[in-house]
């Protein structure tokens, strides 16, 4: 299966509303990531935040979410995020969750 939605030159979805779980699996494969439950937890949070606010959550919001959801501190949460998405929040987590590439803001 090949992703049949519009993407930019770097592979990010042009329209985040085109995202599906199947697209996430393909994007993850392109990034060399086998999605596990912790990955999906982060992807679902990004999608939920986007759905509620119509903006991509900054990495700080994801760190806060992970810290609260897992009863850990923010430093541990950040480590989890970057262990799961080793090439970074924007490069992998945002892309796999179907977000447009963020312009210029904190990438963690």
Protein backbone atom coordinates (compact mmCIF):
# COMPACT_ATOMS: atom_id res chain seq x y z
CA UNK A 1 0.00 0.00 0.00
CA UNK A 2 1.26 3.45 -0.80
CA UNK A 3 0.10 6.65 0.85
CA UNK A 4 -2.45 8.19 -1.49
CA UNK A 5 -2.80 11.68 0.00
CA UNK A 6 -1.05 14.95 -0.72
CA UNK A 7 2.32 15.32 0.97
CA UNK A 8 4.94 18.04 0.90
CA UNK A 9 8.49 17.59 -0.38
CA UNK A 10 9.60 16.20 3.01
CA UNK A 11 6.74 13.70 3.26
CA UNK A 12 4.49 15.52 5.74
CA UNK A 13 0.75 15.44 5.04
CA UNK A 14 -0.54 18.62 3.44
CA UNK A 15 -3.94 18.15 5.11
CA UNK A 16 -3.84 16.63 8.61
CA UNK A 17 -7.49 15.61 8.23
CA UNK A 18 -6.40 13.02 5.63
CA UNK A 19 -4.63 11.02 8.38
CA UNK A 20 -5.63 7.46 9.25
CA UNK A 21 -4.06 4.73 11.33
CA UNK A 22 -3.00 2.97 8.13
CA UNK A 23 -1.21 6.12 6.96
CA UNK A 24 0.52 6.34 10.35
CA UNK A 25 1.80 2.79 9.91
CA UNK A 26 3.23 3.63 6.48
CA UNK A 27 4.80 6.90 7.63
CA UNK A 28 6.34 5.08 10.60
CA UNK A 29 7.72 2.41 8.27
CA UNK A 30 9.29 5.14 6.13
CA UNK A 31 10.94 6.48 9.31
CA UNK A 32 12.13 3.01 10.35
CA UNK A 33 9.83 2.85 13.38
CA UNK A 34 7.69 -0.11 14.43
CA UNK A 35 4.75 1.48 16.21
CA UNK A 36 4.10 0.16 19.72
CA UNK A 37 1.44 1.11 22.25
CA UNK A 38 3.58 3.94 23.70
CA UNK A 39 4.01 5.39 20.18
CA UNK A 40 0.25 5.26 19.61
CA UNK A 41 -0.34 6.97 22.97
CA UNK A 42 1.71 9.95 21.78
CA UNK A 43 0.24 9.96 18.26
CA UNK A 44 -3.31 9.90 19.65
CA UNK A 45 -2.50 12.75 22.03
CA UNK A 46 -1.11 14.87 19.16
CA UNK A 47 -4.21 14.12 17.06
CA UNK A 48 -6.57 14.90 19.95
CA UNK A 49 -4.78 18.17 20.72
CA UNK A 50 -4.87 19.13 17.05
CA UNK A 51 -8.57 18.26 16.84
CA UNK A 52 -9.38 20.45 19.84
CA UNK A 53 -7.10 23.42 19.08
CA UNK A 54 -6.45 23.15 15.32
CA UNK A 55 -2.74 23.67 15.98
CA UNK A 56 0.09 21.21 16.48
CA UNK A 57 0.99 20.84 20.15
CA UNK A 58 4.41 22.12 21.09
CA UNK A 59 6.74 19.40 22.38
CA UNK A 60 6.32 20.86 25.90
CA UNK A 61 2.62 19.90 25.83
CA UNK A 62 3.49 16.34 24.86
CA UNK A 63 6.10 16.15 27.62
CA UNK A 64 3.50 17.41 30.13
CA UNK A 65 0.98 14.87 28.89
CA UNK A 66 3.45 11.97 29.12
CA UNK A 67 4.60 13.04 32.60
CA UNK A 68 1.02 13.19 33.89
CA UNK A 69 -0.18 10.03 32.11
CA UNK A 70 2.77 7.98 33.36
CA UNK A 71 3.27 9.62 36.78
CA UNK A 72 6.85 10.60 35.95
CA UNK A 73 8.77 13.87 35.83
CA UNK A 74 9.14 15.94 32.65
CA UNK A 75 12.78 14.97 32.18
CA UNK A 76 11.79 11.27 32.13
CA UNK A 77 8.89 12.09 29.80
CA UNK A 78 11.20 13.86 27.36
CA UNK A 79 13.56 10.87 27.40
CA UNK A 80 10.65 8.53 26.58
CA UNK A 81 9.55 10.78 23.72
CA UNK A 82 13.02 10.84 22.17
CA UNK A 83 13.61 7.13 22.79
CA UNK A 84 10.42 6.42 20.83
CA UNK A 85 11.10 9.04 18.13
CA UNK A 86 14.92 9.20 18.00
CA UNK A 87 15.11 11.71 15.14
CA UNK A 88 12.95 14.16 17.06
CA UNK A 89 9.45 15.28 17.79
CA UNK A 90 8.96 17.29 14.59
CA UNK A 91 10.81 14.91 12.24
CA UNK A 92 9.00 11.79 13.39
CA UNK A 93 6.16 12.23 15.90
CA UNK A 94 4.55 15.16 14.08
CA UNK A 95 5.04 13.56 10.69
CA UNK A 96 3.68 10.14 11.69
CA UNK A 97 0.68 11.73 13.42
CA UNK A 98 -0.21 13.42 10.14
CA UNK A 99 0.68 16.99 11.02
CA UNK A 100 1.99 19.54 8.59
CA UNK A 101 5.65 20.34 9.18
CA UNK A 102 5.73 22.98 11.91
CA UNK A 103 7.43 26.18 10.90
CA UNK A 104 9.81 27.57 13.49
CA UNK A 105 9.23 26.72 17.12
CA UNK A 106 10.72 24.64 19.86
CA UNK A 107 11.37 21.09 18.73
CA UNK A 108 12.55 19.96 22.16
